[in-house]
């Protein structure tokens, strides 16, 4: 049942990615400026510009250009980046792990902090813990991630030098690249000092990136938990004298998790696109920061490649959330079996 559901979602995902590729391909072509001229610089001759346009297939109709792009994409080739003069796939392989590492820890904070805060606020509804959590979550939701990044950087890196200001690891530490994930590579190398340094550099930008999602997850979980607490079966459990902790954990939390997980999954996927300001503030060499650079340079191949990678990650996150919701909610499983 789960396998068939995932297969259907993967099929629809491929169609969505095809539509995204066509849309971003067309948008990239209508941005003002000549990519060939931008790549060669203002001193290039007209003959050199014409030759570069032929290399980039810009002298052909747009539909033919898109056909060349799809053919190369099927072969795993996204072309050469005019921004770095390297294959786009090489750039993505270098920059994507840094952003994924950042986003994964931010997603962990969203789950590890947002859900317990929402449960605690619902359990003590109307009390001081509830009021305090509501104020905190309102502050985190109201301000975007880059504002918290600046605030945390000033407080915990400048005034109180508890965390490093920039980078992924201490400049004196050299670790061979295996996976691109600095935390994993330090473990594979058996470099414990490097592992601690990588976590130390990773914590603050990931925490700043997660705060808005933490607040949203906490507020949504609180709202769902309160609605669940008003259900008859919860009142029956309370009348039987079940401990409040057991009621909250075993009976109220599970049905409240479904909408919370859905929102957390969407927020997690959106972090890839929203991370560019945080990455710039902390000088984090990630795919979002790279994507802004290639947009400013009108690097067509890199723009399309970056958007495709972010879109694919977004869709994969949706599939994972869909599977988790199916596992949690028995009604969805029974509906699938009855088809």
C-alpha atoms as a PDB file:
ATOM      1  CA  UNK A   1       0.000   0.000   0.000  1.00  0.00           C
ATOM      2  CA  UNK A   2       2.740   2.448   1.001  1.00  0.00           C
ATOM      3  CA  UNK A   3       4.825   1.381  -2.001  1.00  0.00           C
ATOM      4  CA  UNK A   4       1.984   2.002  -4.444  1.00  0.00           C
ATOM      5  CA  UNK A   5       1.265   5.381  -2.883  1.00  0.00           C
ATOM      6  CA  UNK A   6       4.920   6.398  -3.148  1.00  0.00           C
ATOM      7  CA  UNK A   7       5.029   5.168  -6.761  1.00  0.00           C
ATOM      8  CA  UNK A   8       2.019   7.322  -7.666  1.00  0.00           C
ATOM      9  CA  UNK A   9       3.561  10.330  -5.942  1.00  0.00           C
ATOM     10  CA  UNK A  10       6.867   9.797  -7.741  1.00  0.00           C
ATOM     11  CA  UNK A  11       5.044   9.698 -11.079  1.00  0.00           C
ATOM     12  CA  UNK A  12       3.268  12.974 -10.370  1.00  0.00           C
ATOM     13  CA  UNK A  13       6.541  14.424  -9.077  1.00  0.00           C
ATOM     14  CA  UNK A  14       8.258  13.774 -12.398  1.00  0.00           C
ATOM     15  CA  UNK A  15       5.463  15.618 -14.221  1.00  0.00           C
ATOM     16  CA  UNK A  16       5.720  18.548 -11.801  1.00  0.00           C
ATOM     17  CA  UNK A  17       9.494  18.710 -12.290  1.00  0.00           C
ATOM     18  CA  UNK A  18       9.000  18.742 -16.056  1.00  0.00           C
ATOM     19  CA  UNK A  19       6.606  21.670 -15.706  1.00  0.00           C
ATOM     20  CA  UNK A  20       9.000  23.470 -13.352  1.00  0.00           C
ATOM     21  CA  UNK A  21      11.876  22.986 -15.777  1.00  0.00           C
ATOM     22  CA  UNK A  22       9.855  24.472 -18.643  1.00  0.00           C
ATOM     23  CA  UNK A  23       8.647  27.406 -16.532  1.00  0.00           C
ATOM     24  CA  UNK A  24      12.048  28.365 -15.105  1.00  0.00           C
ATOM     25  CA  UNK A  25      13.665  27.817 -18.517  1.00  0.00           C
ATOM     26  CA  UNK A  26      11.294  30.338 -20.094  1.00  0.00           C
ATOM     27  CA  UNK A  27      11.618  32.815 -17.219  1.00  0.00           C
ATOM     28  CA  UNK A  28      15.426  32.662 -17.392  1.00  0.00           C
ATOM     29  CA  UNK A  29      15.260  33.523 -21.110  1.00  0.00           C
ATOM     30  CA  UNK A  30      13.180  36.668 -20.628  1.00  0.00           C
ATOM     31  CA  UNK A  31      15.399  38.206 -17.913  1.00  0.00           C
ATOM     32  CA  UNK A  32      16.996  41.363 -19.411  1.00  0.00           C
ATOM     33  CA  UNK A  33      20.612  41.017 -20.516  1.00  0.00           C
ATOM     34  CA  UNK A  34      22.635  38.875 -22.918  1.00  0.00           C
ATOM     35  CA  UNK A  35      24.127  35.844 -21.108  1.00  0.00           C
ATOM     36  CA  UNK A  36      26.890  35.538 -23.700  1.00  0.00           C
ATOM     37  CA  UNK A  37      27.916  39.168 -23.249  1.00  0.00           C
ATOM     38  CA  UNK A  38      27.748  38.869 -19.449  1.00  0.00           C
ATOM     39  CA  UNK A  39      29.903  35.739 -19.543  1.00  0.00           C
ATOM     40  CA  UNK A  40      32.592  37.224 -21.780  1.00  0.00           C
ATOM     41  CA  UNK A  41      32.646  40.694 -20.263  1.00  0.00           C
ATOM     42  CA  UNK A  42      32.322  44.156 -21.812  1.00  0.00           C
ATOM     43  CA  UNK A  43      35.649  43.935 -23.676  1.00  0.00           C
ATOM     44  CA  UNK A  44      34.692  40.889 -25.762  1.00  0.00           C
ATOM     45  CA  UNK A  45      34.362  41.389 -29.506  1.00  0.00           C
ATOM     46  CA  UNK A  46      31.100  40.862 -31.339  1.00  0.00           C
ATOM     47  CA  UNK A  47      32.527  37.754 -33.026  1.00  0.00           C
ATOM     48  CA  UNK A  48      33.306  36.218 -29.635  1.00  0.00           C
ATOM     49  CA  UNK A  49      29.804  36.997 -28.403  1.00  0.00           C
ATOM     50  CA  UNK A  50      28.254  35.393 -31.495  1.00  0.00           C
ATOM     51  CA  UNK A  51      30.411  32.303 -31.003  1.00  0.00           C
ATOM     52  CA  UNK A  52      29.394  32.039 -27.338  1.00  0.00           C
ATOM     53  CA  UNK A  53      25.724  32.372 -28.284  1.00  0.00           C
ATOM     54  CA  UNK A  54      26.159  29.429 -30.654  1.00  0.00           C
ATOM     55  CA  UNK A  55      27.791  27.368 -27.872  1.00  0.00           C
ATOM     56  CA  UNK A  56      24.862  28.166 -25.548  1.00  0.00           C
ATOM     57  CA  UNK A  57      22.313  27.493 -28.357  1.00  0.00           C
ATOM     58  CA  UNK A  58      20.988  31.045 -27.868  1.00  0.00           C
ATOM     59  CA  UNK A  59      20.907  31.570 -31.636  1.00  0.00           C
ATOM     60  CA  UNK A  60      18.146  28.960 -31.987  1.00  0.00           C
ATOM     61  CA  UNK A  61      14.406  29.171 -31.214  1.00  0.00           C
ATOM     62  CA  UNK A  62      13.439  28.729 -27.559  1.00  0.00           C
ATOM     63  CA  UNK A  63      11.725  25.381 -28.167  1.00  0.00           C
ATOM     64  CA  UNK A  64      14.926  24.029 -29.727  1.00  0.00           C
ATOM     65  CA  UNK A  65      16.937  25.377 -26.793  1.00  0.00           C
ATOM     66  CA  UNK A  66      14.584  23.570 -24.402  1.00  0.00           C
ATOM     67  CA  UNK A  67      14.996  20.371 -26.402  1.00  0.00           C
ATOM     68  CA  UNK A  68      18.790  20.624 -26.042  1.00  0.00           C
ATOM     69  CA  UNK A  69      18.342  21.239 -22.310  1.00  0.00           C
ATOM     70  CA  UNK A  70      16.106  18.191 -21.807  1.00  0.00           C
ATOM     71  CA  UNK A  71      18.458  15.966 -23.799  1.00  0.00           C
ATOM     72  CA  UNK A  72      21.440  17.041 -21.717  1.00  0.00           C
ATOM     73  CA  UNK A  73      19.408  16.777 -18.497  1.00  0.00           C
ATOM     74  CA  UNK A  74      18.521  13.147 -19.256  1.00  0.00           C
ATOM     75  CA  UNK A  75      22.274  12.499 -19.523  1.00  0.00           C
ATOM     76  CA  UNK A  76      22.905  14.123 -16.141  1.00  0.00           C
ATOM     77  CA  UNK A  77      24.453  17.215 -17.718  1.00  0.00           C
ATOM     78  CA  UNK A  78      23.241  20.701 -16.747  1.00  0.00           C
ATOM     79  CA  UNK A  79      25.869  22.471 -18.810  1.00  0.00           C
ATOM     80  CA  UNK A  80      28.699  24.793 -17.818  1.00  0.00           C
ATOM     81  CA  UNK A  81      28.186  27.561 -15.285  1.00  0.00           C
ATOM     82  CA  UNK A  82      29.174  30.986 -16.607  1.00  0.00           C
ATOM     83  CA  UNK A  83      29.542  32.080 -12.967  1.00  0.00           C
ATOM     84  CA  UNK A  84      32.217  29.549 -11.963  1.00  0.00           C
ATOM     85  CA  UNK A  85      33.301  28.131 -15.380  1.00  0.00           C
ATOM     86  CA  UNK A  86      32.670  24.632 -14.048  1.00  0.00           C
ATOM     87  CA  UNK A  87      29.961  22.052 -14.771  1.00  0.00           C
ATOM     88  CA  UNK A  88      26.768  22.988 -12.938  1.00  0.00           C
ATOM     89  CA  UNK A  89      26.534  19.465 -11.499  1.00  0.00           C
ATOM     90  CA  UNK A  90      29.988  19.944  -9.966  1.00  0.00           C
ATOM     91  CA  UNK A  91      28.877  23.196  -8.350  1.00  0.00           C
ATOM     92  CA  UNK A  92      25.683  21.612  -7.035  1.00  0.00           C
ATOM     93  CA  UNK A  93      27.629  18.658  -5.634  1.00  0.00           C
ATOM     94  CA  UNK A  94      29.890  21.111  -3.804  1.00  0.00           C
ATOM     95  CA  UNK A  95      27.321  23.575  -2.456  1.00  0.00           C
ATOM     96  CA  UNK A  96      24.212  21.430  -1.893  1.00  0.00           C
ATOM     97  CA  UNK A  97      25.564  19.321   1.047  1.00  0.00           C
ATOM     98  CA  UNK A  98      26.349  22.489   3.029  1.00  0.00           C
ATOM     99  CA  UNK A  99      22.766  23.732   2.705  1.00  0.00           C
ATOM    100  CA  UNK A 100      21.282  20.297   3.370  1.00  0.00           C
ATOM    101  CA  UNK A 101      23.375  20.032   6.528  1.00  0.00           C
ATOM    102  CA  UNK A 102      22.060  23.415   7.637  1.00  0.00           C
ATOM    103  CA  UNK A 103      18.458  22.630   6.737  1.00  0.00           C
ATOM    104  CA  UNK A 104      18.472  19.160   8.326  1.00  0.00           C
ATOM    105  CA  UNK A 105      19.590  20.542  11.696  1.00  0.00           C
ATOM    106  CA  UNK A 106      17.055  23.366  11.381  1.00  0.00           C
ATOM    107  CA  UNK A 107      14.359  20.766  10.674  1.00  0.00           C
ATOM    108  CA  UNK A 108      15.473  18.807  13.748  1.00  0.00           C
ATOM    109  CA  UNK A 109      15.072  21.955  15.858  1.00  0.00           C
ATOM    110  CA  UNK A 110      11.595  22.506  14.414  1.00  0.00           C
ATOM    111  CA  UNK A 111      10.491  19.032  15.517  1.00  0.00           C
ATOM    112  CA  UNK A 112      12.457  18.782  18.778  1.00  0.00           C
ATOM    113  CA  UNK A 113      11.406  22.228  20.017  1.00  0.00           C
ATOM    114  CA  UNK A 114       8.160  23.073  18.219  1.00  0.00           C
ATOM    115  CA  UNK A 115       6.177  19.932  19.054  1.00  0.00           C
ATOM    116  CA  UNK A 116       7.064  19.763  22.803  1.00  0.00           C
ATOM    117  CA  UNK A 117       6.366  23.482  23.217  1.00  0.00           C
ATOM    118  CA  UNK A 118       2.960  23.054  21.579  1.00  0.00           C
ATOM    119  CA  UNK A 119       2.138  20.051  23.787  1.00  0.00           C
ATOM    120  CA  UNK A 120       3.251  21.913  26.918  1.00  0.00           C
ATOM    121  CA  UNK A 121       1.184  24.982  26.026  1.00  0.00           C
ATOM    122  CA  UNK A 122      -1.923  22.869  25.399  1.00  0.00           C
ATOM    123  CA  UNK A 123      -1.475  20.872  28.591  1.00  0.00           C
ATOM    124  CA  UNK A 124      -1.312  24.059  30.694  1.00  0.00           C
ATOM    125  CA  UNK A 125      -3.854  25.984  28.651  1.00  0.00           C
ATOM    126  CA  UNK A 126      -4.507  29.399  30.173  1.00  0.00           C
ATOM    127  CA  UNK A 127      -1.637  29.072  32.657  1.00  0.00           C
ATOM    128  CA  UNK A 128       1.668  30.913  32.738  1.00  0.00           C
ATOM    129  CA  UNK A 129       3.519  28.272  30.660  1.00  0.00           C
ATOM    130  CA  UNK A 130       0.923  28.629  27.926  1.00  0.00           C
ATOM    131  CA  UNK A 131       1.077  32.431  27.994  1.00  0.00           C
ATOM    132  CA  UNK A 132       4.884  32.449  27.963  1.00  0.00           C
ATOM    133  CA  UNK A 133       5.088  29.990  25.042  1.00  0.00           C
ATOM    134  CA  UNK A 134       2.498  31.951  23.072  1.00  0.00           C
ATOM    135  CA  UNK A 135       4.515  35.166  23.451  1.00  0.00           C
ATOM    136  CA  UNK A 136       7.758  33.425  22.436  1.00  0.00           C
ATOM    137  CA  UNK A 137       6.220  31.713  19.413  1.00  0.00           C
ATOM    138  CA  UNK A 138       4.544  34.956  18.327  1.00  0.00           C
ATOM    139  CA  UNK A 139       7.949  36.671  18.350  1.00  0.00           C
ATOM    140  CA  UNK A 140       9.604  33.870  16.372  1.00  0.00           C
ATOM    141  CA  UNK A 141       6.847  33.782  13.739  1.00  0.00           C
ATOM    142  CA  UNK A 142       6.691  37.566  13.372  1.00  0.00           C
ATOM    143  CA  UNK A 143      10.362  38.056  12.463  1.00  0.00           C
ATOM    144  CA  UNK A 144      11.962  36.405   9.377  1.00  0.00           C
ATOM    145  CA  UNK A 145      14.973  34.138   9.696  1.00  0.00           C
ATOM    146  CA  UNK A 146      17.546  36.708   8.597  1.00  0.00           C
ATOM    147  CA  UNK A 147      16.464  39.077  11.411  1.00  0.00           C
ATOM    148  CA  UNK A 148      17.064  36.352  13.993  1.00  0.00           C
ATOM    149  CA  UNK A 149      20.350  35.541  12.262  1.00  0.00           C
ATOM    150  CA  UNK A 150      21.557  39.124  12.732  1.00  0.00           C
ATOM    151  CA  UNK A 151      20.291  39.277  16.338  1.00  0.00           C
ATOM    152  CA  UNK A 152      21.883  35.962  17.319  1.00  0.00           C
ATOM    153  CA  UNK A 153      25.107  36.849  15.519  1.00  0.00           C
ATOM    154  CA  UNK A 154      25.395  40.118  17.429  1.00  0.00           C
ATOM    155  CA  UNK A 155      24.419  38.605  20.780  1.00  0.00           C
ATOM    156  CA  UNK A 156      26.203  35.250  20.740  1.00  0.00           C
ATOM    157  CA  UNK A 157      29.114  35.866  18.377  1.00  0.00           C
ATOM    158  CA  UNK A 158      29.997  39.542  18.782  1.00  0.00           C
ATOM    159  CA  UNK A 159      29.028  40.720  22.278  1.00  0.00           C
ATOM    160  CA  UNK A 160      29.294  37.228  23.814  1.00  0.00           C
ATOM    161  CA  UNK A 161      31.838  35.302  21.707  1.00  0.00           C
ATOM    162  CA  UNK A 162      30.258  31.901  22.292  1.00  0.00           C
ATOM    163  CA  UNK A 163      29.892  30.890  18.635  1.00  0.00           C
ATOM    164  CA  UNK A 164      32.012  31.505  15.521  1.00  0.00           C
ATOM    165  CA  UNK A 165      30.947  34.278  13.173  1.00  0.00           C
ATOM    166  CA  UNK A 166      31.388  32.562   9.795  1.00  0.00           C
ATOM    167  CA  UNK A 167      32.408  29.400   7.978  1.00  0.00           C
ATOM    168  CA  UNK A 168      31.731  25.688   8.441  1.00  0.00           C
ATOM    169  CA  UNK A 169      34.816  24.662  10.446  1.00  0.00           C
ATOM    170  CA  UNK A 170      37.818  26.252  12.116  1.00  0.00           C
ATOM    171  CA  UNK A 171      40.277  27.554   9.541  1.00  0.00           C
ATOM    172  CA  UNK A 172      43.173  25.546  11.004  1.00  0.00           C
ATOM    173  CA  UNK A 173      41.372  22.216  10.497  1.00  0.00           C
ATOM    174  CA  UNK A 174      41.583  20.426   7.152  1.00  0.00           C
ATOM    175  CA  UNK A 175      39.213  17.524   6.495  1.00  0.00           C
ATOM    176  CA  UNK A 176      39.126  15.433   3.265  1.00  0.00           C
ATOM    177  CA  UNK A 177      35.790  15.764   1.471  1.00  0.00           C
ATOM    178  CA  UNK A 178      33.909  12.478   1.193  1.00  0.00           C
ATOM    179  CA  UNK A 179      30.186  13.260   1.470  1.00  0.00           C
ATOM    180  CA  UNK A 180      30.306  17.067   1.564  1.00  0.00           C
ATOM    181  CA  UNK A 181      28.567  17.012   4.954  1.00  0.00           C
ATOM    182  CA  UNK A 182      31.191  18.450   7.270  1.00  0.00           C
ATOM    183  CA  UNK A 183      29.818  16.733  10.386  1.00  0.00           C
ATOM    184  CA  UNK A 184      29.851  13.329   8.683  1.00  0.00           C
ATOM    185  CA  UNK A 185      33.247  13.849   7.025  1.00  0.00           C
ATOM    186  CA  UNK A 186      34.871  14.713  10.352  1.00  0.00           C
ATOM    187  CA  UNK A 187      33.444  11.519  11.853  1.00  0.00           C
ATOM    188  CA  UNK A 188      34.666   9.452   8.909  1.00  0.00           C
ATOM    189  CA  UNK A 189      38.112  10.974   9.336  1.00  0.00           C
ATOM    190  CA  UNK A 190      38.041  10.261  13.081  1.00  0.00           C
ATOM    191  CA  UNK A 191      38.756  13.932  13.754  1.00  0.00           C
ATOM    192  CA  UNK A 192      36.837  14.621  16.986  1.00  0.00           C
ATOM    193  CA  UNK A 193      38.092  18.182  17.324  1.00  0.00           C
ATOM    194  CA  UNK A 194      36.894  18.836  13.783  1.00  0.00           C
ATOM    195  CA  UNK A 195      33.534  17.234  14.589  1.00  0.00           C
ATOM    196  CA  UNK A 196      33.023  19.542  17.573  1.00  0.00           C
ATOM    197  CA  UNK A 197      34.127  22.530  15.513  1.00  0.00           C
ATOM    198  CA  UNK A 198      31.708  21.634  12.682  1.00  0.00           C
ATOM    199  CA  UNK A 199      28.783  21.381  15.120  1.00  0.00           C
ATOM    200  CA  UNK A 200      29.883  24.619  16.778  1.00  0.00           C
ATOM    201  CA  UNK A 201      29.817  26.455  13.438  1.00  0.00           C
ATOM    202  CA  UNK A 202      26.563  24.787  12.365  1.00  0.00           C
ATOM    203  CA  UNK A 203      24.459  25.399  15.480  1.00  0.00           C
ATOM    204  CA  UNK A 204      23.823  29.148  15.320  1.00  0.00           C
ATOM    205  CA  UNK A 205      22.821  29.518  11.623  1.00  0.00           C
ATOM    206  CA  UNK A 206      20.637  26.401  11.841  1.00  0.00           C
ATOM    207  CA  UNK A 207      18.950  27.670  14.999  1.00  0.00           C
ATOM    208  CA  UNK A 208      18.316  31.083  13.426  1.00  0.00           C
ATOM    209  CA  UNK A 209      16.882  29.419  10.317  1.00  0.00           C
ATOM    210  CA  UNK A 210      14.575  27.204  12.375  1.00  0.00           C
ATOM    211  CA  UNK A 211      13.024  29.764  14.726  1.00  0.00           C
ATOM    212  CA  UNK A 212      10.127  30.763  12.498  1.00  0.00           C
ATOM    213  CA  UNK A 213       9.283  27.094  11.873  1.00  0.00           C
ATOM    214  CA  UNK A 214       9.575  26.294  15.589  1.00  0.00           C
ATOM    215  CA  UNK A 215       7.032  28.981  16.419  1.00  0.00           C
ATOM    216  CA  UNK A 216       4.642  27.888  13.698  1.00  0.00           C
ATOM    217  CA  UNK A 217       4.886  24.214  14.692  1.00  0.00           C
ATOM    218  CA  UNK A 218       4.315  25.061  18.371  1.00  0.00           C
ATOM    219  CA  UNK A 219       1.275  27.248  17.682  1.00  0.00           C
ATOM    220  CA  UNK A 220      -0.292  24.713  15.327  1.00  0.00           C
ATOM    221  CA  UNK A 221       0.359  21.799  17.715  1.00  0.00           C
ATOM    222  CA  UNK A 222      -1.140  23.769  20.596  1.00  0.00           C
ATOM    223  CA  UNK A 223      -4.276  24.558  18.583  1.00  0.00           C
ATOM    224  CA  UNK A 224      -4.716  20.939  17.479  1.00  0.00           C
ATOM    225  CA  UNK A 225      -4.032  19.574  20.955  1.00  0.00           C
ATOM    226  CA  UNK A 226      -6.632  21.888  22.509  1.00  0.00           C
ATOM    227  CA  UNK A 227      -9.195  20.751  19.935  1.00  0.00           C
ATOM    228  CA  UNK A 228      -8.316  17.125  20.674  1.00  0.00           C
ATOM    229  CA  UNK A 229      -8.591  17.681  24.444  1.00  0.00           C
ATOM    230  CA  UNK A 230     -12.224  18.685  23.916  1.00  0.00           C
ATOM    231  CA  UNK A 231     -13.004  15.309  22.303  1.00  0.00           C
ATOM    232  CA  UNK A 232     -15.253  12.863  24.196  1.00  0.00           C
ATOM    233  CA  UNK A 233     -12.652  10.083  24.383  1.00  0.00           C
ATOM    234  CA  UNK A 234     -10.185  12.426  26.120  1.00  0.00           C
ATOM    235  CA  UNK A 235     -12.847  13.390  28.651  1.00  0.00           C
ATOM    236  CA  UNK A 236     -13.533   9.688  29.212  1.00  0.00           C
ATOM    237  CA  UNK A 237      -9.833   8.999  29.810  1.00  0.00           C
ATOM    238  CA  UNK A 238      -9.706  11.875  32.295  1.00  0.00           C
ATOM    239  CA  UNK A 239     -12.799  10.588  34.085  1.00  0.00           C
ATOM    240  CA  UNK A 240     -11.105   7.192  34.490  1.00  0.00           C
ATOM    241  CA  UNK A 241      -8.243   8.927  36.244  1.00  0.00           C
ATOM    242  CA  UNK A 242      -5.524   8.332  33.644  1.00  0.00           C
ATOM    243  CA  UNK A 243      -2.379  10.403  34.303  1.00  0.00           C
ATOM    244  CA  UNK A 244      -2.269  13.688  32.387  1.00  0.00           C
ATOM    245  CA  UNK A 245       1.124  12.834  30.934  1.00  0.00           C
ATOM    246  CA  UNK A 246      -0.225   9.566  29.528  1.00  0.00           C
ATOM    247  CA  UNK A 247      -3.291  11.304  28.079  1.00  0.00           C
ATOM    248  CA  UNK A 248      -1.157  13.948  26.412  1.00  0.00           C
ATOM    249  CA  UNK A 249       1.389  11.491  25.027  1.00  0.00           C
ATOM    250  CA  UNK A 250      -0.752   8.504  24.065  1.00  0.00           C
ATOM    251  CA  UNK A 251      -4.185   9.915  23.235  1.00  0.00           C
ATOM    252  CA  UNK A 252      -3.987  13.613  22.389  1.00  0.00           C
ATOM    253  CA  UNK A 253      -0.638  13.957  20.630  1.00  0.00           C
ATOM    254  CA  UNK A 254      -0.970  11.388  17.847  1.00  0.00           C
ATOM    255  CA  UNK A 255      -4.077  12.809  16.108  1.00  0.00           C
ATOM    256  CA  UNK A 256      -2.652  16.311  16.568  1.00  0.00           C
ATOM    257  CA  UNK A 257       0.575  15.400  14.796  1.00  0.00           C
ATOM    258  CA  UNK A 258      -0.945  15.043  11.314  1.00  0.00           C
ATOM    259  CA  UNK A 259      -1.470  18.744  10.463  1.00  0.00           C
ATOM    260  CA  UNK A 260       1.676  19.687  12.378  1.00  0.00           C
ATOM    261  CA  UNK A 261       3.829  17.256  10.407  1.00  0.00           C
ATOM    262  CA  UNK A 262       2.348  18.509   7.154  1.00  0.00           C
ATOM    263  CA  UNK A 263       3.247  22.122   7.952  1.00  0.00           C
ATOM    264  CA  UNK A 264       6.688  21.149   9.271  1.00  0.00           C
ATOM    265  CA  UNK A 265       7.361  19.229   6.049  1.00  0.00           C
ATOM    266  CA  UNK A 266       6.397  22.213   3.906  1.00  0.00           C
ATOM    267  CA  UNK A 267       8.456  24.569   6.090  1.00  0.00           C
ATOM    268  CA  UNK A 268      11.418  22.202   5.923  1.00  0.00           C
ATOM    269  CA  UNK A 269      11.323  22.116   2.139  1.00  0.00           C
ATOM    270  CA  UNK A 270      10.925  25.899   1.967  1.00  0.00           C
ATOM    271  CA  UNK A 271      14.054  26.351   4.096  1.00  0.00           C
ATOM    272  CA  UNK A 272      16.196  25.548   1.044  1.00  0.00           C
ATOM    273  CA  UNK A 273      14.921  28.597  -0.766  1.00  0.00           C
ATOM    274  CA  UNK A 274      14.748  30.821   2.318  1.00  0.00           C
ATOM    275  CA  UNK A 275      18.269  30.082   3.537  1.00  0.00           C
ATOM    276  CA  UNK A 276      20.150  32.438   1.215  1.00  0.00           C
ATOM    277  CA  UNK A 277      20.091  35.444   3.565  1.00  0.00           C
ATOM    278  CA  UNK A 278      21.146  33.337   6.547  1.00  0.00           C
ATOM    279  CA  UNK A 279      23.911  31.805   4.435  1.00  0.00           C
ATOM    280  CA  UNK A 280      25.107  35.261   3.415  1.00  0.00           C
ATOM    281  CA  UNK A 281      25.070  36.545   6.991  1.00  0.00           C
ATOM    282  CA  UNK A 282      27.127  33.595   8.262  1.00  0.00           C
ATOM    283  CA  UNK A 283      29.229  33.269   5.058  1.00  0.00           C
ATOM    284  CA  UNK A 284      27.867  29.745   4.679  1.00  0.00           C
ATOM    285  CA  UNK A 285      28.902  28.221   1.313  1.00  0.00           C
ATOM    286  CA  UNK A 286      25.530  26.713   0.413  1.00  0.00           C
ATOM    287  CA  UNK A 287      23.367  26.223  -2.660  1.00  0.00           C
ATOM    288  CA  UNK A 288      21.020  29.104  -1.775  1.00  0.00           C
ATOM    289  CA  UNK A 289      23.877  31.595  -1.637  1.00  0.00           C
ATOM    290  CA  UNK A 290      25.194  30.155  -4.896  1.00  0.00           C
ATOM    291  CA  UNK A 291      21.739  30.486  -6.466  1.00  0.00           C
ATOM    292  CA  UNK A 292      21.566  34.213  -5.715  1.00  0.00           C
ATOM    293  CA  UNK A 293      24.997  34.690  -7.280  1.00  0.00           C
ATOM    294  CA  UNK A 294      24.067  32.937 -10.516  1.00  0.00           C
ATOM    295  CA  UNK A 295      20.804  34.896 -10.788  1.00  0.00           C
ATOM    296  CA  UNK A 296      22.703  38.183 -10.544  1.00  0.00           C
ATOM    297  CA  UNK A 297      25.070  36.959 -13.281  1.00  0.00           C
ATOM    298  CA  UNK A 298      22.207  35.628 -15.416  1.00  0.00           C
ATOM    299  CA  UNK A 299      23.888  32.232 -15.556  1.00  0.00           C
ATOM    300  CA  UNK A 300      21.094  30.354 -17.360  1.00  0.00           C
ATOM    301  CA  UNK A 301      22.375  26.813 -16.849  1.00  0.00           C
ATOM    302  CA  UNK A 302      23.094  27.350 -13.162  1.00  0.00           C
ATOM    303  CA  UNK A 303      19.761  29.113 -12.557  1.00  0.00           C
ATOM    304  CA  UNK A 304      17.771  26.242 -14.041  1.00  0.00           C
ATOM    305  CA  UNK A 305      19.901  23.631 -12.256  1.00  0.00           C
ATOM    306  CA  UNK A 306      19.573  25.316  -8.857  1.00  0.00           C
ATOM    307  CA  UNK A 307      15.810  25.749  -9.150  1.00  0.00           C
ATOM    308  CA  UNK A 308      15.416  22.134 -10.291  1.00  0.00           C
ATOM    309  CA  UNK A 309      17.382  20.853  -7.295  1.00  0.00           C
ATOM    310  CA  UNK A 310      15.400  22.965  -4.812  1.00  0.00           C
ATOM    311  CA  UNK A 311      12.107  21.921  -6.457  1.00  0.00           C
ATOM    312  CA  UNK A 312      13.068  18.233  -6.351  1.00  0.00           C
ATOM    313  CA  UNK A 313      13.980  18.525  -2.666  1.00  0.00           C
ATOM    314  CA  UNK A 314      10.658  20.241  -1.953  1.00  0.00           C
ATOM    315  CA  UNK A 315       8.713  17.476  -3.699  1.00  0.00           C
ATOM    316  CA  UNK A 316      10.711  14.691  -2.002  1.00  0.00           C
ATOM    317  CA  UNK A 317       9.989  16.277   1.381  1.00  0.00           C
ATOM    318  CA  UNK A 318       6.276  16.263   0.514  1.00  0.00           C
ATOM    319  CA  UNK A 319       6.433  12.571  -0.348  1.00  0.00           C
ATOM    320  CA  UNK A 320       8.156  11.764   2.961  1.00  0.00           C
ATOM    321  CA  UNK A 321       5.534  13.735   4.887  1.00  0.00           C
ATOM    322  CA  UNK A 322       2.777  11.960   2.960  1.00  0.00           C
ATOM    323  CA  UNK A 323       4.237   8.572   3.927  1.00  0.00           C
ATOM    324  CA  UNK A 324       4.541   9.604   7.599  1.00  0.00           C
ATOM    325  CA  UNK A 325       0.949  10.847   7.684  1.00  0.00           C
ATOM    326  CA  UNK A 326      -0.204   7.570   6.106  1.00  0.00           C
ATOM    327  CA  UNK A 327       1.623   5.593   8.786  1.00  0.00           C
ATOM    328  CA  UNK A 328       0.178   7.721  11.599  1.00  0.00           C
ATOM    329  CA  UNK A 329      -3.420   7.959  10.361  1.00  0.00           C
ATOM    330  CA  UNK A 330      -5.122   4.532  10.084  1.00  0.00           C
ATOM    331  CA  UNK A 331      -8.059   6.012   8.162  1.00  0.00           C
ATOM    332  CA  UNK A 332      -5.791   6.760   5.193  1.00  0.00           C
ATOM    333  CA  UNK A 333      -4.422   3.191   5.262  1.00  0.00           C
ATOM    334  CA  UNK A 334      -7.917   1.699   5.332  1.00  0.00           C
ATOM    335  CA  UNK A 335      -9.022   3.987   2.491  1.00  0.00           C
ATOM    336  CA  UNK A 336      -6.029   2.823   0.421  1.00  0.00           C
ATOM    337  CA  UNK A 337      -6.844  -0.858   1.059  1.00  0.00           C
ATOM    338  CA  UNK A 338     -10.481  -0.425   0.040  1.00  0.00           C
ATOM    339  CA  UNK A 339      -9.543   0.866  -3.421  1.00  0.00           C
END
